[in-house]
Amino acid sequence: MVATKVVMPKPGWITEKGTVLTWFKKEGDRVEKGQPLFEIETEKVTTEVEAPASGILRKILVPEGTVVPV
């Protein structure tokens, strides 16, 4: 299996950070490409981020409630 990292999408030109609200999967769960993986909130929008590839979610590096750059 190839390791893939998820890059936070930039929903707007002014948006610089977002908060990870919810992980829909747990470490060790199987995910399919295009399946919602987690939800982020920015100043203007809350959106689901899809898995970029199918595989196993090995490690969650950003816990829920963490603010990250987009």
PDB file of N, CA and C in Angstrom:
ATOM      1  N   MET A   1       0.831  -1.164   0.000  1.00  0.00           N
ATOM      2  CA  MET A   1       0.000   0.000   0.000  1.00  0.00           C
ATOM      3  C   MET A   1       0.884   1.238   0.000  1.00  0.00           C
ATOM      4  N   VAL A   2       0.483   2.235  -0.742  1.00  0.00           N
ATOM      5  CA  VAL A   2       1.222   3.484  -0.842  1.00  0.00           C
ATOM      6  C   VAL A   2       0.702   4.450   0.218  1.00  0.00           C
ATOM      7  N   ALA A   3       1.600   5.100   0.920  1.00  0.00           N
ATOM      8  CA  ALA A   3       1.199   6.096   1.917  1.00  0.00           C
ATOM      9  C   ALA A   3       0.782   7.366   1.209  1.00  0.00           C
ATOM     10  N   THR A   4      -0.313   7.940   1.648  1.00  0.00           N
ATOM     11  CA  THR A   4      -0.827   9.172   1.076  1.00  0.00           C
ATOM     12  C   THR A   4      -1.139  10.127   2.202  1.00  0.00           C
ATOM     13  N   LYS A   5      -0.764  11.386   2.024  1.00  0.00           N
ATOM     14  CA  LYS A   5      -1.145  12.364   3.039  1.00  0.00           C
ATOM     15  C   LYS A   5      -2.276  13.209   2.478  1.00  0.00           C
ATOM     16  N   VAL A   6      -3.129  13.669   3.363  1.00  0.00           N
ATOM     17  CA  VAL A   6      -4.249  14.512   2.980  1.00  0.00           C
ATOM     18  C   VAL A   6      -3.838  15.950   3.188  1.00  0.00           C
ATOM     19  N   VAL A   7      -4.008  16.761   2.162  1.00  0.00           N
ATOM     20  CA  VAL A   7      -3.691  18.179   2.240  1.00  0.00           C
ATOM     21  C   VAL A   7      -4.988  18.930   2.485  1.00  0.00           C
ATOM     22  N   MET A   8      -4.962  19.836   3.439  1.00  0.00           N
ATOM     23  CA  MET A   8      -6.156  20.622   3.729  1.00  0.00           C
ATOM     24  C   MET A   8      -6.495  21.476   2.522  1.00  0.00           C
ATOM     25  N   PRO A   9      -7.717  21.387   2.016  1.00  0.00           N
ATOM     26  CA  PRO A   9      -8.106  22.230   0.886  1.00  0.00           C
ATOM     27  C   PRO A   9      -8.251  23.681   1.318  1.00  0.00           C
ATOM     28  N   LYS A  10      -8.047  24.586   0.393  1.00  0.00           N
ATOM     29  CA  LYS A  10      -8.207  26.007   0.695  1.00  0.00           C
ATOM     30  C   LYS A  10      -9.539  26.462   0.102  1.00  0.00           C
ATOM     31  N   PRO A  11     -10.590  26.583   0.937  1.00  0.00           N
ATOM     32  CA  PRO A  11     -11.913  26.884   0.427  1.00  0.00           C
ATOM     33  C   PRO A  11     -12.113  28.308  -0.069  1.00  0.00           C
ATOM     34  N   GLY A  12     -11.261  29.246   0.265  1.00  0.00           N
ATOM     35  CA  GLY A  12     -11.413  30.620  -0.187  1.00  0.00           C
ATOM     36  C   GLY A  12     -10.068  31.308  -0.286  1.00  0.00           C
ATOM     37  N   TRP A  13     -10.026  32.404  -1.024  1.00  0.00           N
ATOM     38  CA  TRP A  13      -8.762  33.119  -1.229  1.00  0.00           C
ATOM     39  C   TRP A  13      -8.221  33.707   0.065  1.00  0.00           C
ATOM     40  N   ILE A  14      -9.103  34.106   0.982  1.00  0.00           N
ATOM     41  CA  ILE A  14      -8.670  34.768   2.205  1.00  0.00           C
ATOM     42  C   ILE A  14      -8.421  33.765   3.329  1.00  0.00           C
ATOM     43  N   THR A  15      -8.988  32.588   3.233  1.00  0.00           N
ATOM     44  CA  THR A  15      -8.882  31.596   4.294  1.00  0.00           C
ATOM     45  C   THR A  15      -7.440  31.153   4.493  1.00  0.00           C
ATOM     46  N   GLU A  16      -6.978  31.211   5.742  1.00  0.00           N
ATOM     47  CA  GLU A  16      -5.611  30.801   6.054  1.00  0.00           C
ATOM     48  C   GLU A  16      -5.540  29.668   7.053  1.00  0.00           C
ATOM     49  N   LYS A  17      -6.649  29.428   7.784  1.00  0.00           N
ATOM     50  CA  LYS A  17      -6.635  28.350   8.769  1.00  0.00           C
ATOM     51  C   LYS A  17      -8.025  27.731   8.878  1.00  0.00           C
ATOM     52  N   GLY A  18      -8.054  26.535   9.412  1.00  0.00           N
ATOM     53  CA  GLY A  18      -9.308  25.830   9.629  1.00  0.00           C
ATOM     54  C   GLY A  18      -9.180  24.946  10.858  1.00  0.00           C
ATOM     55  N   THR A  19     -10.315  24.540  11.410  1.00  0.00           N
ATOM     56  CA  THR A  19     -10.347  23.687  12.590  1.00  0.00           C
ATOM     57  C   THR A  19     -10.889  22.316  12.202  1.00  0.00           C
ATOM     58  N   VAL A  20     -10.165  21.272  12.557  1.00  0.00           N
ATOM     59  CA  VAL A  20     -10.651  19.911  12.326  1.00  0.00           C
ATOM     60  C   VAL A  20     -11.768  19.670  13.338  1.00  0.00           C
ATOM     61  N   LEU A  21     -12.986  19.473  12.833  1.00  0.00           N
ATOM     62  CA  LEU A  21     -14.130  19.284  13.724  1.00  0.00           C
ATOM     63  C   LEU A  21     -14.343  17.821  14.088  1.00  0.00           C
ATOM     64  N   THR A  22     -14.399  16.963  13.068  1.00  0.00           N
ATOM     65  CA  THR A  22     -14.766  15.569  13.285  1.00  0.00           C
ATOM     66  C   THR A  22     -13.993  14.660  12.349  1.00  0.00           C
ATOM     67  N   TRP A  23     -13.468  13.582  12.870  1.00  0.00           N
ATOM     68  CA  TRP A  23     -12.935  12.500  12.050  1.00  0.00           C
ATOM     69  C   TRP A  23     -14.046  11.474  11.917  1.00  0.00           C
ATOM     70  N   PHE A  24     -14.371  11.084  10.693  1.00  0.00           N
ATOM     71  CA  PHE A  24     -15.433  10.103  10.459  1.00  0.00           C
ATOM     72  C   PHE A  24     -14.914   8.669  10.578  1.00  0.00           C
ATOM     73  N   LYS A  25     -13.614   8.503  10.575  1.00  0.00           N
ATOM     74  CA  LYS A  25     -12.982   7.186  10.698  1.00  0.00           C
ATOM     75  C   LYS A  25     -12.016   7.208  11.878  1.00  0.00           C
ATOM     76  N   LYS A  26     -11.697   6.022  12.368  1.00  0.00           N
ATOM     77  CA  LYS A  26     -10.721   5.873  13.445  1.00  0.00           C
ATOM     78  C   LYS A  26      -9.460   5.238  12.874  1.00  0.00           C
ATOM     79  N   GLU A  27      -8.358   5.358  13.591  1.00  0.00           N
ATOM     80  CA  GLU A  27      -7.123   4.706  13.171  1.00  0.00           C
ATOM     81  C   GLU A  27      -7.382   3.214  13.005  1.00  0.00           C
ATOM     82  N   GLY A  28      -6.904   2.668  11.897  1.00  0.00           N
ATOM     83  CA  GLY A  28      -7.090   1.254  11.600  1.00  0.00           C
ATOM     84  C   GLY A  28      -8.302   0.964  10.737  1.00  0.00           C
ATOM     85  N   ASP A  29      -9.195   1.954  10.550  1.00  0.00           N
ATOM     86  CA  ASP A  29     -10.375   1.753   9.702  1.00  0.00           C
ATOM     87  C   ASP A  29     -10.006   1.774   8.220  1.00  0.00           C
ATOM     88  N   ARG A  30     -10.746   1.025   7.441  1.00  0.00           N
ATOM     89  CA  ARG A  30     -10.593   1.038   5.988  1.00  0.00           C
ATOM     90  C   ARG A  30     -11.350   2.237   5.426  1.00  0.00           C
ATOM     91  N   VAL A  31     -10.754   2.920   4.459  1.00  0.00           N
ATOM     92  CA  VAL A  31     -11.404   4.040   3.775  1.00  0.00           C
ATOM     93  C   VAL A  31     -11.348   3.806   2.274  1.00  0.00           C
ATOM     94  N   GLU A  32     -12.336   4.326   1.592  1.00  0.00           N
ATOM     95  CA  GLU A  32     -12.391   4.241   0.134  1.00  0.00           C
ATOM     96  C   GLU A  32     -12.175   5.626  -0.453  1.00  0.00           C
ATOM     97  N   LYS A  33     -11.516   5.682  -1.584  1.00  0.00           N
ATOM     98  CA  LYS A  33     -11.276   6.948  -2.275  1.00  0.00           C
ATOM     99  C   LYS A  33     -12.600   7.673  -2.481  1.00  0.00           C
ATOM    100  N   GLY A  34     -12.631   8.962  -2.140  1.00  0.00           N
ATOM    101  CA  GLY A  34     -13.827   9.778  -2.305  1.00  0.00           C
ATOM    102  C   GLY A  34     -14.772   9.745  -1.118  1.00  0.00           C
ATOM    103  N   GLN A  35     -14.534   8.864  -0.169  1.00  0.00           N
ATOM    104  CA  GLN A  35     -15.368   8.758   1.029  1.00  0.00           C
ATOM    105  C   GLN A  35     -15.024   9.904   1.982  1.00  0.00           C
ATOM    106  N   PRO A  36     -16.025  10.544   2.629  1.00  0.00           N
ATOM    107  CA  PRO A  36     -15.716  11.594   3.598  1.00  0.00           C
ATOM    108  C   PRO A  36     -14.804  11.064   4.701  1.00  0.00           C
ATOM    109  N   LEU A  37     -13.727  11.796   4.963  1.00  0.00           N
ATOM    110  CA  LEU A  37     -12.723  11.359   5.928  1.00  0.00           C
ATOM    111  C   LEU A  37     -12.787  12.186   7.211  1.00  0.00           C
ATOM    112  N   PHE A  38     -12.875  13.519   7.044  1.00  0.00           N
ATOM    113  CA  PHE A  38     -13.004  14.402   8.202  1.00  0.00           C
ATOM    114  C   PHE A  38     -13.701  15.677   7.789  1.00  0.00           C
ATOM    115  N   GLU A  39     -14.078  16.482   8.779  1.00  0.00           N
ATOM    116  CA  GLU A  39     -14.791  17.724   8.542  1.00  0.00           C
ATOM    117  C   GLU A  39     -13.966  18.878   9.107  1.00  0.00           C
ATOM    118  N   ILE A  40     -13.862  19.963   8.315  1.00  0.00           N
ATOM    119  CA  ILE A  40     -13.149  21.156   8.784  1.00  0.00           C
ATOM    120  C   ILE A  40     -14.090  22.356   8.792  1.00  0.00           C
ATOM    121  N   GLU A  41     -13.768  23.315   9.637  1.00  0.00           N
ATOM    122  CA  GLU A  41     -14.535  24.551   9.718  1.00  0.00           C
ATOM    123  C   GLU A  41     -13.580  25.721   9.536  1.00  0.00           C
ATOM    124  N   THR A  42     -13.939  26.646   8.644  1.00  0.00           N
ATOM    125  CA  THR A  42     -13.187  27.888   8.469  1.00  0.00           C
ATOM    126  C   THR A  42     -14.096  29.039   8.901  1.00  0.00           C
ATOM    127  N   GLU A  43     -13.642  30.265   8.676  1.00  0.00           N
ATOM    128  CA  GLU A  43     -14.453  31.420   9.057  1.00  0.00           C
ATOM    129  C   GLU A  43     -15.792  31.444   8.327  1.00  0.00           C
ATOM    130  N   LYS A  44     -15.837  30.883   7.128  1.00  0.00           N
ATOM    131  CA  LYS A  44     -17.029  31.020   6.300  1.00  0.00           C
ATOM    132  C   LYS A  44     -17.764  29.718   5.984  1.00  0.00           C
ATOM    133  N   VAL A  45     -17.119  28.576   6.136  1.00  0.00           N
ATOM    134  CA  VAL A  45     -17.745  27.336   5.668  1.00  0.00           C
ATOM    135  C   VAL A  45     -17.290  26.142   6.498  1.00  0.00           C
ATOM    136  N   THR A  46     -18.168  25.168   6.603  1.00  0.00           N
ATOM    137  CA  THR A  46     -17.818  23.868   7.168  1.00  0.00           C
ATOM    138  C   THR A  46     -17.932  22.872   6.026  1.00  0.00           C
ATOM    139  N   THR A  47     -16.887  22.055   5.834  1.00  0.00           N
ATOM    140  CA  THR A  47     -16.874  21.146   4.697  1.00  0.00           C
ATOM    141  C   THR A  47     -16.256  19.806   5.058  1.00  0.00           C
ATOM    142  N   GLU A  48     -16.685  18.777   4.326  1.00  0.00           N
ATOM    143  CA  GLU A  48     -16.106  17.450   4.481  1.00  0.00           C
ATOM    144  C   GLU A  48     -14.938  17.304   3.511  1.00  0.00           C
ATOM    145  N   VAL A  49     -13.869  16.679   3.975  1.00  0.00           N
ATOM    146  CA  VAL A  49     -12.705  16.410   3.132  1.00  0.00           C
ATOM    147  C   VAL A  49     -12.720  14.925   2.803  1.00  0.00           C
ATOM    148  N   GLU A  50     -12.635  14.613   1.512  1.00  0.00           N
ATOM    149  CA  GLU A  50     -12.693  13.226   1.056  1.00  0.00           C
ATOM    150  C   GLU A  50     -11.320  12.565   1.069  1.00  0.00           C
ATOM    151  N   ALA A  51     -11.322  11.257   1.223  1.00  0.00           N
ATOM    152  CA  ALA A  51     -10.080  10.482   1.164  1.00  0.00           C
ATOM    153  C   ALA A  51      -9.512  10.555  -0.251  1.00  0.00           C
ATOM    154  N   PRO A  52      -8.225  10.877  -0.388  1.00  0.00           N
ATOM    155  CA  PRO A  52      -7.618  10.975  -1.710  1.00  0.00           C
ATOM    156  C   PRO A  52      -7.313   9.612  -2.332  1.00  0.00           C
ATOM    157  N   ALA A  53      -7.347   8.551  -1.521  1.00  0.00           N
ATOM    158  CA  ALA A  53      -7.042   7.201  -2.009  1.00  0.00           C
ATOM    159  C   ALA A  53      -7.708   6.183  -1.085  1.00  0.00           C
ATOM    160  N   SER A  54      -7.863   4.969  -1.566  1.00  0.00           N
ATOM    161  CA  SER A  54      -8.383   3.882  -0.739  1.00  0.00           C
ATOM    162  C   SER A  54      -7.247   3.280   0.075  1.00  0.00           C
ATOM    163  N   GLY A  55      -7.579   2.752   1.251  1.00  0.00           N
ATOM    164  CA  GLY A  55      -6.566   2.113   2.080  1.00  0.00           C
ATOM    165  C   GLY A  55      -6.996   2.055   3.526  1.00  0.00           C
ATOM    166  N   ILE A  56      -6.017   2.019   4.413  1.00  0.00           N
ATOM    167  CA  ILE A  56      -6.235   1.958   5.852  1.00  0.00           C
ATOM    168  C   ILE A  56      -5.757   3.265   6.475  1.00  0.00           C
ATOM    169  N   LEU A  57      -6.571   3.848   7.348  1.00  0.00           N
ATOM    170  CA  LEU A  57      -6.160   5.051   8.067  1.00  0.00           C
ATOM    171  C   LEU A  57      -5.226   4.614   9.189  1.00  0.00           C
ATOM    172  N   ARG A  58      -3.953   4.777   8.973  1.00  0.00           N
ATOM    173  CA  ARG A  58      -2.945   4.293   9.924  1.00  0.00           C
ATOM    174  C   ARG A  58      -2.777   5.196  11.128  1.00  0.00           C
ATOM    175  N   LYS A  59      -2.758   6.519  10.913  1.00  0.00           N
ATOM    176  CA  LYS A  59      -2.462   7.436  12.019  1.00  0.00           C
ATOM    177  C   LYS A  59      -3.179   8.760  11.792  1.00  0.00           C
ATOM    178  N   ILE A  60      -3.834   9.256  12.808  1.00  0.00           N
ATOM    179  CA  ILE A  60      -4.420  10.595  12.778  1.00  0.00           C
ATOM    180  C   ILE A  60      -3.413  11.527  13.442  1.00  0.00           C
ATOM    181  N   LEU A  61      -2.870  12.434  12.655  1.00  0.00           N
ATOM    182  CA  LEU A  61      -1.832  13.336  13.151  1.00  0.00           C
ATOM    183  C   LEU A  61      -2.398  14.643  13.697  1.00  0.00           C
ATOM    184  N   VAL A  62      -3.632  14.977  13.317  1.00  0.00           N
ATOM    185  CA  VAL A  62      -4.259  16.222  13.756  1.00  0.00           C
ATOM    186  C   VAL A  62      -5.562  15.877  14.469  1.00  0.00           C
ATOM    187  N   PRO A  63      -5.588  15.978  15.793  1.00  0.00           N
ATOM    188  CA  PRO A  63      -6.799  15.617  16.541  1.00  0.00           C
ATOM    189  C   PRO A  63      -7.933  16.626  16.328  1.00  0.00           C
ATOM    190  N   GLU A  64      -9.143  16.184  16.607  1.00  0.00           N
ATOM    191  CA  GLU A  64     -10.316  17.054  16.539  1.00  0.00           C
ATOM    192  C   GLU A  64     -10.090  18.275  17.426  1.00  0.00           C
ATOM    193  N   GLY A  65     -10.541  19.440  16.936  1.00  0.00           N
ATOM    194  CA  GLY A  65     -10.394  20.683  17.685  1.00  0.00           C
ATOM    195  C   GLY A  65      -9.116  21.434  17.395  1.00  0.00           C
ATOM    196  N   THR A  66      -8.226  20.852  16.589  1.00  0.00           N
ATOM    197  CA  THR A  66      -6.951  21.483  16.269  1.00  0.00           C
ATOM    198  C   THR A  66      -7.112  22.454  15.103  1.00  0.00           C
ATOM    199  N   VAL A  67      -6.525  23.638  15.233  1.00  0.00           N
ATOM    200  CA  VAL A  67      -6.506  24.630  14.159  1.00  0.00           C
ATOM    201  C   VAL A  67      -5.252  24.390  13.334  1.00  0.00           C
ATOM    202  N   VAL A  68      -5.438  24.307  12.009  1.00  0.00           N
ATOM    203  CA  VAL A  68      -4.318  24.034  11.103  1.00  0.00           C
ATOM    204  C   VAL A  68      -4.352  25.000   9.922  1.00  0.00           C
ATOM    205  N   PRO A  69      -3.183  25.276   9.304  1.00  0.00           N
ATOM    206  CA  PRO A  69      -3.173  26.105   8.093  1.00  0.00           C
ATOM    207  C   PRO A  69      -3.773  25.331   6.933  1.00  0.00           C
ATOM    208  N   VAL A  70      -4.411  26.075   6.014  1.00  0.00           N
ATOM    209  CA  VAL A  70      -4.979  25.423   4.819  1.00  0.00           C
ATOM    210  C   VAL A  70      -4.192  25.807   3.588  1.00  0.00           C
TER     211      VAL A  70
END
